[in-house]
C-alpha atoms as a PDB file:
ATOM      1  CA  UNK A   1     -21.268  30.605  36.287  1.00  0.00           C
ATOM      2  CA  UNK A   2     -18.504  29.953  33.792  1.00  0.00           C
ATOM      3  CA  UNK A   3     -18.044  26.553  35.387  1.00  0.00           C
ATOM      4  CA  UNK A   4     -21.732  25.758  35.016  1.00  0.00           C
ATOM      5  CA  UNK A   5     -21.681  26.850  31.386  1.00  0.00           C
ATOM      6  CA  UNK A   6     -18.753  24.591  30.597  1.00  0.00           C
ATOM      7  CA  UNK A   7     -20.481  21.749  32.445  1.00  0.00           C
ATOM      8  CA  UNK A   8     -23.639  22.252  30.376  1.00  0.00           C
ATOM      9  CA  UNK A   9     -21.610  22.349  27.188  1.00  0.00           C
ATOM     10  CA  UNK A  10     -19.957  19.079  28.152  1.00  0.00           C
ATOM     11  CA  UNK A  11     -23.312  17.401  28.809  1.00  0.00           C
ATOM     12  CA  UNK A  12     -24.743  18.672  25.527  1.00  0.00           C
ATOM     13  CA  UNK A  13     -21.695  17.488  23.611  1.00  0.00           C
ATOM     14  CA  UNK A  14     -21.748  14.101  25.326  1.00  0.00           C
ATOM     15  CA  UNK A  15     -25.478  13.640  24.647  1.00  0.00           C
ATOM     16  CA  UNK A  16     -25.090  14.627  20.991  1.00  0.00           C
ATOM     17  CA  UNK A  17     -22.142  12.320  20.464  1.00  0.00           C
ATOM     18  CA  UNK A  18     -23.668   9.472  22.454  1.00  0.00           C
ATOM     19  CA  UNK A  19     -26.968   9.420  20.573  1.00  0.00           C
ATOM     20  CA  UNK A  20     -25.645   9.935  17.043  1.00  0.00           C
ATOM     21  CA  UNK A  21     -22.341   8.113  16.772  1.00  0.00           C
ATOM     22  CA  UNK A  22     -22.266   5.484  19.497  1.00  0.00           C
ATOM     23  CA  UNK A  23     -22.621   2.451  17.245  1.00  0.00           C
ATOM     24  CA  UNK A  24     -20.199   3.868  14.672  1.00  0.00           C
ATOM     25  CA  UNK A  25     -17.720   4.423  17.494  1.00  0.00           C
ATOM     26  CA  UNK A  26     -18.081   0.800  18.589  1.00  0.00           C
ATOM     27  CA  UNK A  27     -17.193  -0.268  15.051  1.00  0.00           C
ATOM     28  CA  UNK A  28     -14.139   1.999  15.034  1.00  0.00           C
ATOM     29  CA  UNK A  29     -12.977   0.711  18.427  1.00  0.00           C
ATOM     30  CA  UNK A  30     -13.525  -2.876  17.310  1.00  0.00           C
ATOM     31  CA  UNK A  31     -11.330  -2.171  14.288  1.00  0.00           C
ATOM     32  CA  UNK A  32      -8.666  -0.663  16.552  1.00  0.00           C
ATOM     33  CA  UNK A  33      -8.509  -3.732  18.793  1.00  0.00           C
ATOM     34  CA  UNK A  34      -9.254  -6.588  16.418  1.00  0.00           C
ATOM     35  CA  UNK A  35      -6.232  -8.853  15.963  1.00  0.00           C
ATOM     36  CA  UNK A  36      -7.877 -12.257  15.698  1.00  0.00           C
ATOM     37  CA  UNK A  37      -6.616 -12.856  12.162  1.00  0.00           C
ATOM     38  CA  UNK A  38      -3.007 -12.504  13.378  1.00  0.00           C
ATOM     39  CA  UNK A  39      -3.419 -14.901  16.282  1.00  0.00           C
ATOM     40  CA  UNK A  40      -1.523 -17.865  14.851  1.00  0.00           C
ATOM     41  CA  UNK A  41       1.172 -15.638  13.338  1.00  0.00           C
ATOM     42  CA  UNK A  42       1.818 -13.939  16.696  1.00  0.00           C
ATOM     43  CA  UNK A  43       1.625 -17.189  18.640  1.00  0.00           C
ATOM     44  CA  UNK A  44       4.185 -18.919  16.429  1.00  0.00           C
ATOM     45  CA  UNK A  45       6.552 -15.916  16.667  1.00  0.00           C
ATOM     46  CA  UNK A  46       6.877 -16.229  20.458  1.00  0.00           C
ATOM     47  CA  UNK A  47       9.946 -17.857  21.975  1.00  0.00           C
ATOM     48  CA  UNK A  48       8.891 -21.078  23.709  1.00  0.00           C
ATOM     49  CA  UNK A  49       5.315 -20.316  22.733  1.00  0.00           C
ATOM     50  CA  UNK A  50       2.605 -21.556  25.017  1.00  0.00           C
ATOM     51  CA  UNK A  51      -0.938 -20.559  25.826  1.00  0.00           C
ATOM     52  CA  UNK A  52       0.175 -18.945  29.095  1.00  0.00           C
ATOM     53  CA  UNK A  53       2.826 -16.776  27.414  1.00  0.00           C
ATOM     54  CA  UNK A  54       0.432 -15.880  24.605  1.00  0.00           C
ATOM     55  CA  UNK A  55      -2.238 -14.845  27.124  1.00  0.00           C
ATOM     56  CA  UNK A  56       0.202 -12.583  28.939  1.00  0.00           C
ATOM     57  CA  UNK A  57       1.349 -10.941  25.703  1.00  0.00           C
ATOM     58  CA  UNK A  58      -2.169 -10.317  24.408  1.00  0.00           C
ATOM     59  CA  UNK A  59      -3.496  -9.007  27.724  1.00  0.00           C
ATOM     60  CA  UNK A  60      -0.539  -6.645  28.139  1.00  0.00           C
ATOM     61  CA  UNK A  61      -0.662  -5.307  24.567  1.00  0.00           C
ATOM     62  CA  UNK A  62      -4.432  -4.823  24.525  1.00  0.00           C
ATOM     63  CA  UNK A  63      -4.360  -3.138  27.945  1.00  0.00           C
ATOM     64  CA  UNK A  64      -1.668  -0.675  26.873  1.00  0.00           C
ATOM     65  CA  UNK A  65      -3.551   0.057  23.641  1.00  0.00           C
ATOM     66  CA  UNK A  66      -6.750   0.644  25.598  1.00  0.00           C
ATOM     67  CA  UNK A  67      -5.053   3.137  27.919  1.00  0.00           C
ATOM     68  CA  UNK A  68      -3.610   5.101  24.996  1.00  0.00           C
ATOM     69  CA  UNK A  69      -6.938   5.135  23.148  1.00  0.00           C
ATOM     70  CA  UNK A  70      -8.771   6.241  26.280  1.00  0.00           C
ATOM     71  CA  UNK A  71      -6.331   9.074  27.044  1.00  0.00           C
ATOM     72  CA  UNK A  72      -6.240  10.373  23.472  1.00  0.00           C
ATOM     73  CA  UNK A  73     -10.000  10.045  22.992  1.00  0.00           C
ATOM     74  CA  UNK A  74     -10.888  11.862  26.200  1.00  0.00           C
ATOM     75  CA  UNK A  75      -8.301  14.594  25.588  1.00  0.00           C
ATOM     76  CA  UNK A  76      -9.627  15.223  22.089  1.00  0.00           C
ATOM     77  CA  UNK A  77     -13.267  15.191  23.136  1.00  0.00           C
ATOM     78  CA  UNK A  78     -12.759  17.490  26.118  1.00  0.00           C
ATOM     79  CA  UNK A  79     -10.854  19.904  23.874  1.00  0.00           C
ATOM     80  CA  UNK A  80     -13.273  20.147  20.934  1.00  0.00           C
ATOM     81  CA  UNK A  81     -16.609  18.852  22.357  1.00  0.00           C
ATOM     82  CA  UNK A  82     -19.261  18.873  19.567  1.00  0.00           C
ATOM     83  CA  UNK A  83     -16.641  19.873  16.987  1.00  0.00           C
ATOM     84  CA  UNK A  84     -14.616  16.708  17.553  1.00  0.00           C
ATOM     85  CA  UNK A  85     -13.922  14.970  14.245  1.00  0.00           C
ATOM     86  CA  UNK A  86     -13.859  11.224  13.867  1.00  0.00           C
ATOM     87  CA  UNK A  87     -10.225  11.658  12.865  1.00  0.00           C
ATOM     88  CA  UNK A  88      -8.946  13.854  15.675  1.00  0.00           C
ATOM     89  CA  UNK A  89      -6.049  15.123  13.562  1.00  0.00           C
ATOM     90  CA  UNK A  90      -8.563  16.851  11.263  1.00  0.00           C
ATOM     91  CA  UNK A  91      -9.381  19.206  14.140  1.00  0.00           C
ATOM     92  CA  UNK A  92      -5.899  20.675  13.978  1.00  0.00           C
ATOM     93  CA  UNK A  93      -4.579  23.156  11.441  1.00  0.00           C
ATOM     94  CA  UNK A  94      -2.578  21.721   8.556  1.00  0.00           C
ATOM     95  CA  UNK A  95       0.193  24.186   9.465  1.00  0.00           C
ATOM     96  CA  UNK A  96       0.400  23.034  13.093  1.00  0.00           C
ATOM     97  CA  UNK A  97       3.930  21.590  13.437  1.00  0.00           C
ATOM     98  CA  UNK A  98       3.041  19.311  16.354  1.00  0.00           C
ATOM     99  CA  UNK A  99      -0.002  17.942  14.508  1.00  0.00           C
ATOM    100  CA  UNK A 100       2.088  17.404  11.376  1.00  0.00           C
ATOM    101  CA  UNK A 101       4.673  15.442  13.355  1.00  0.00           C
ATOM    102  CA  UNK A 102       1.828  13.334  14.754  1.00  0.00           C
ATOM    103  CA  UNK A 103       0.471  12.768  11.248  1.00  0.00           C
ATOM    104  CA  UNK A 104       3.919  11.674  10.096  1.00  0.00           C
ATOM    105  CA  UNK A 105       4.289   9.244  13.006  1.00  0.00           C
ATOM    106  CA  UNK A 106       0.821   7.850  12.371  1.00  0.00           C
ATOM    107  CA  UNK A 107       1.713   7.316   8.706  1.00  0.00           C
ATOM    108  CA  UNK A 108       4.822   5.427   9.844  1.00  0.00           C
ATOM    109  CA  UNK A 109       2.682   3.211  12.076  1.00  0.00           C
ATOM    110  CA  UNK A 110       0.346   2.447   9.169  1.00  0.00           C
ATOM    111  CA  UNK A 111       3.263   1.645   6.859  1.00  0.00           C
ATOM    112  CA  UNK A 112       4.727  -0.758   9.419  1.00  0.00           C
ATOM    113  CA  UNK A 113       1.358  -2.369  10.143  1.00  0.00           C
ATOM    114  CA  UNK A 114       0.195  -2.738   6.549  1.00  0.00           C
ATOM    115  CA  UNK A 115       2.546  -5.606   5.550  1.00  0.00           C
ATOM    116  CA  UNK A 116       1.151  -7.791   8.356  1.00  0.00           C
ATOM    117  CA  UNK A 117      -2.434  -7.165   7.264  1.00  0.00           C
ATOM    118  CA  UNK A 118      -1.533  -7.623   3.606  1.00  0.00           C
ATOM    119  CA  UNK A 119       0.219 -10.911   4.386  1.00  0.00           C
ATOM    120  CA  UNK A 120      -2.858 -12.339   6.109  1.00  0.00           C
ATOM    121  CA  UNK A 121      -5.241 -11.176   3.379  1.00  0.00           C
ATOM    122  CA  UNK A 122      -3.046 -12.547   0.605  1.00  0.00           C
ATOM    123  CA  UNK A 123      -2.754 -15.907   2.335  1.00  0.00           C
ATOM    124  CA  UNK A 124      -6.535 -16.146   2.682  1.00  0.00           C
ATOM    125  CA  UNK A 125      -7.028 -15.229  -0.991  1.00  0.00           C
ATOM    126  CA  UNK A 126      -4.476 -17.798  -2.148  1.00  0.00           C
ATOM    127  CA  UNK A 127      -6.055 -20.552  -0.092  1.00  0.00           C
ATOM    128  CA  UNK A 128      -9.542 -19.584  -1.272  1.00  0.00           C
ATOM    129  CA  UNK A 129      -8.541 -19.495  -4.941  1.00  0.00           C
ATOM    130  CA  UNK A 130      -6.782 -22.860  -4.743  1.00  0.00           C
ATOM    131  CA  UNK A 131      -9.954 -24.445  -3.373  1.00  0.00           C
ATOM    132  CA  UNK A 132     -12.322 -23.163  -6.039  1.00  0.00           C
ATOM    133  CA  UNK A 133     -14.080 -26.053  -7.844  1.00  0.00           C
ATOM    134  CA  UNK A 134     -12.866 -26.664 -11.391  1.00  0.00           C
ATOM    135  CA  UNK A 135     -16.373 -26.125 -12.787  1.00  0.00           C
ATOM    136  CA  UNK A 136     -15.857 -22.408 -12.176  1.00  0.00           C
ATOM    137  CA  UNK A 137     -13.574 -22.283 -15.236  1.00  0.00           C
ATOM    138  CA  UNK A 138     -14.730 -25.418 -17.074  1.00  0.00           C
ATOM    139  CA  UNK A 139     -17.395 -23.499 -19.045  1.00  0.00           C
ATOM    140  CA  UNK A 140     -14.875 -21.117 -20.634  1.00  0.00           C
ATOM    141  CA  UNK A 141     -14.777 -21.912 -24.384  1.00  0.00           C
ATOM    142  CA  UNK A 142     -11.225 -20.689 -24.980  1.00  0.00           C
ATOM    143  CA  UNK A 143      -8.825 -23.515 -24.172  1.00  0.00           C
ATOM    144  CA  UNK A 144      -5.823 -21.193 -23.823  1.00  0.00           C
ATOM    145  CA  UNK A 145      -7.662 -18.944 -21.363  1.00  0.00           C
ATOM    146  CA  UNK A 146      -8.943 -21.966 -19.459  1.00  0.00           C
ATOM    147  CA  UNK A 147      -5.436 -23.403 -19.294  1.00  0.00           C
ATOM    148  CA  UNK A 148      -4.036 -20.097 -18.057  1.00  0.00           C
ATOM    149  CA  UNK A 149      -6.670 -19.828 -15.332  1.00  0.00           C
ATOM    150  CA  UNK A 150      -6.083 -23.438 -14.360  1.00  0.00           C
ATOM    151  CA  UNK A 151      -2.381 -22.710 -13.924  1.00  0.00           C
ATOM    152  CA  UNK A 152      -3.110 -19.465 -12.021  1.00  0.00           C
ATOM    153  CA  UNK A 153      -5.652 -20.978  -9.644  1.00  0.00           C
ATOM    154  CA  UNK A 154      -4.455 -24.490  -8.962  1.00  0.00           C
ATOM    155  CA  UNK A 155      -0.676 -24.310  -9.029  1.00  0.00           C
ATOM    156  CA  UNK A 156       0.688 -24.975  -5.507  1.00  0.00           C
ATOM    157  CA  UNK A 157       1.252 -21.750  -3.614  1.00  0.00           C
ATOM    158  CA  UNK A 158       5.015 -22.137  -3.220  1.00  0.00           C
ATOM    159  CA  UNK A 159       5.396 -22.550  -7.016  1.00  0.00           C
ATOM    160  CA  UNK A 160       3.145 -19.745  -8.311  1.00  0.00           C
ATOM    161  CA  UNK A 161       5.230 -16.579  -8.246  1.00  0.00           C
ATOM    162  CA  UNK A 162       2.960 -14.876 -10.782  1.00  0.00           C
ATOM    163  CA  UNK A 163      -0.121 -15.387  -8.613  1.00  0.00           C
ATOM    164  CA  UNK A 164       1.796 -14.133  -5.589  1.00  0.00           C
ATOM    165  CA  UNK A 165       2.818 -10.948  -7.418  1.00  0.00           C
ATOM    166  CA  UNK A 166      -0.614 -10.328  -8.973  1.00  0.00           C
ATOM    167  CA  UNK A 167      -2.489 -10.720  -5.677  1.00  0.00           C
ATOM    168  CA  UNK A 168       0.010  -8.488  -3.887  1.00  0.00           C
ATOM    169  CA  UNK A 169      -0.316  -5.770  -6.535  1.00  0.00           C
ATOM    170  CA  UNK A 170      -4.109  -5.972  -6.481  1.00  0.00           C
ATOM    171  CA  UNK A 171      -4.189  -5.640  -2.706  1.00  0.00           C
ATOM    172  CA  UNK A 172      -1.688  -2.777  -2.575  1.00  0.00           C
ATOM    173  CA  UNK A 173      -3.193  -0.823  -5.473  1.00  0.00           C
ATOM    174  CA  UNK A 174      -6.757  -1.427  -4.277  1.00  0.00           C
ATOM    175  CA  UNK A 175      -6.070  -0.170  -0.777  1.00  0.00           C
ATOM    176  CA  UNK A 176      -4.022   2.715  -2.183  1.00  0.00           C
ATOM    177  CA  UNK A 177      -6.959   3.765  -4.386  1.00  0.00           C
ATOM    178  CA  UNK A 178      -9.263   3.776  -1.360  1.00  0.00           C
ATOM    179  CA  UNK A 179      -6.719   5.690   0.687  1.00  0.00           C
ATOM    180  CA  UNK A 180      -6.208   8.508  -1.829  1.00  0.00           C
ATOM    181  CA  UNK A 181      -9.925   8.825  -2.596  1.00  0.00           C
ATOM    182  CA  UNK A 182     -10.884  10.074   0.873  1.00  0.00           C
ATOM    183  CA  UNK A 183      -9.492  12.478   3.436  1.00  0.00           C
ATOM    184  CA  UNK A 184     -11.850  11.430   6.225  1.00  0.00           C
ATOM    185  CA  UNK A 185     -10.280   8.544   8.087  1.00  0.00           C
ATOM    186  CA  UNK A 186     -13.327   8.236  10.367  1.00  0.00           C
ATOM    187  CA  UNK A 187     -15.563   7.115   7.490  1.00  0.00           C
ATOM    188  CA  UNK A 188     -13.084   4.423   6.455  1.00  0.00           C
ATOM    189  CA  UNK A 189     -12.621   3.195  10.018  1.00  0.00           C
ATOM    190  CA  UNK A 190     -16.363   3.167  10.708  1.00  0.00           C
ATOM    191  CA  UNK A 191     -17.110   1.223   7.510  1.00  0.00           C
ATOM    192  CA  UNK A 192     -14.340  -1.335   7.948  1.00  0.00           C
ATOM    193  CA  UNK A 193     -15.027  -1.538  11.670  1.00  0.00           C
ATOM    194  CA  UNK A 194     -18.703  -2.336  11.264  1.00  0.00           C
ATOM    195  CA  UNK A 195     -18.392  -4.739   8.336  1.00  0.00           C
ATOM    196  CA  UNK A 196     -15.080  -6.481   9.006  1.00  0.00           C
ATOM    197  CA  UNK A 197     -13.884  -5.916  12.578  1.00  0.00           C
ATOM    198  CA  UNK A 198     -17.284  -6.419  14.195  1.00  0.00           C
ATOM    199  CA  UNK A 199     -17.794  -9.904  12.700  1.00  0.00           C
ATOM    200  CA  UNK A 200     -14.215 -10.838  13.629  1.00  0.00           C
ATOM    201  CA  UNK A 201     -14.528  -9.516  17.165  1.00  0.00           C
ATOM    202  CA  UNK A 202     -18.115 -10.350  18.150  1.00  0.00           C
ATOM    203  CA  UNK A 203     -19.839 -12.660  15.666  1.00  0.00           C
ATOM    204  CA  UNK A 204     -17.468 -15.306  14.305  1.00  0.00           C
ATOM    205  CA  UNK A 205     -15.748 -16.232  17.624  1.00  0.00           C
ATOM    206  CA  UNK A 206     -19.054 -16.595  19.453  1.00  0.00           C
ATOM    207  CA  UNK A 207     -20.647 -18.463  16.553  1.00  0.00           C
ATOM    208  CA  UNK A 208     -17.712 -20.884  16.543  1.00  0.00           C
ATOM    209  CA  UNK A 209     -18.033 -21.339  20.298  1.00  0.00           C
ATOM    210  CA  UNK A 210     -21.770 -22.014  20.024  1.00  0.00           C
ATOM    211  CA  UNK A 211     -21.109 -24.551  17.287  1.00  0.00           C
ATOM    212  CA  UNK A 212     -18.256 -26.398  19.005  1.00  0.00           C
ATOM    213  CA  UNK A 213     -19.250 -26.203  22.650  1.00  0.00           C
ATOM    214  CA  UNK A 214     -20.978 -29.246  24.079  1.00  0.00           C
ATOM    215  CA  UNK A 215     -22.580 -27.283  26.892  1.00  0.00           C
ATOM    216  CA  UNK A 216     -26.350 -26.971  27.070  1.00  0.00           C
ATOM    217  CA  UNK A 217     -27.975 -24.015  25.323  1.00  0.00           C
ATOM    218  CA  UNK A 218     -29.291 -22.757  28.655  1.00  0.00           C
ATOM    219  CA  UNK A 219     -25.794 -22.744  30.174  1.00  0.00           C
ATOM    220  CA  UNK A 220     -24.238 -19.465  31.274  1.00  0.00           C
ATOM    221  CA  UNK A 221     -21.400 -19.658  28.737  1.00  0.00           C
ATOM    222  CA  UNK A 222     -23.685 -20.144  25.744  1.00  0.00           C
ATOM    223  CA  UNK A 223     -26.117 -17.446  26.832  1.00  0.00           C
ATOM    224  CA  UNK A 224     -23.283 -14.928  27.146  1.00  0.00           C
ATOM    225  CA  UNK A 225     -21.882 -15.967  23.759  1.00  0.00           C
ATOM    226  CA  UNK A 226     -25.314 -15.634  22.163  1.00  0.00           C
ATOM    227  CA  UNK A 227     -25.800 -12.157  23.622  1.00  0.00           C
ATOM    228  CA  UNK A 228     -22.386 -11.043  22.362  1.00  0.00           C
ATOM    229  CA  UNK A 229     -23.187 -12.375  18.891  1.00  0.00           C
ATOM    230  CA  UNK A 230     -26.544 -10.562  18.823  1.00  0.00           C
ATOM    231  CA  UNK A 231     -24.786  -7.389  19.948  1.00  0.00           C
ATOM    232  CA  UNK A 232     -22.312  -7.755  17.074  1.00  0.00           C
ATOM    233  CA  UNK A 233     -25.096  -8.240  14.541  1.00  0.00           C
ATOM    234  CA  UNK A 234     -26.851  -5.089  15.801  1.00  0.00           C
ATOM    235  CA  UNK A 235     -23.649  -3.028  15.628  1.00  0.00           C
ATOM    236  CA  UNK A 236     -22.859  -4.299  12.123  1.00  0.00           C
ATOM    237  CA  UNK A 237     -26.386  -3.594  10.877  1.00  0.00           C
ATOM    238  CA  UNK A 238     -27.000  -0.184  12.406  1.00  0.00           C
ATOM    239  CA  UNK A 239     -23.446   1.136  12.732  1.00  0.00           C
END
């Protein structure tokens, strides 16, 4: 009887979680696995880089990450059932020494990962700013302000230390403000997963393939790509 009760509790917990947070969970998992923006950086860092070596590295790293996520997710869900938080560490007491060690290690992982993400974002911002049309600042009546913006925006990247420092500070302080304003990591991961990781993982790659591929629209490859893109749009909209 106790076994049947625990089985019923598991089914109820699974049904509740499945129907209420499935799409949000897809966004979180997409955020966990998205690495498309680091593709060229990782590829160029390989010794004797080639497509074959890059494929092996990405398949191995993603597979290992998937196994760890699966084990930790199942262990947390089977332990707490309906009470499982989006951030599993929130289920544990703040005085739990093992949980606190895990929190510390996770913070170390974030600190080591953040520079890579910041580097990519800063590079994109610098390229985008340097390509803004001049008419964006041409209407400014103050000549000194217009001259300062012209120097800030259009100076070559390797010569503009001030722009480099300002963009870095804005990125670090902006993300720090978001980080200290919430204690629920699940909300942050769900939001960023749905609105940033989902387009990177499901929408933009398939849209690029549909645009560049010369295959017919009724071909198997394009139909699969179109379905994946539609799936990404649904997850981004509803998640």
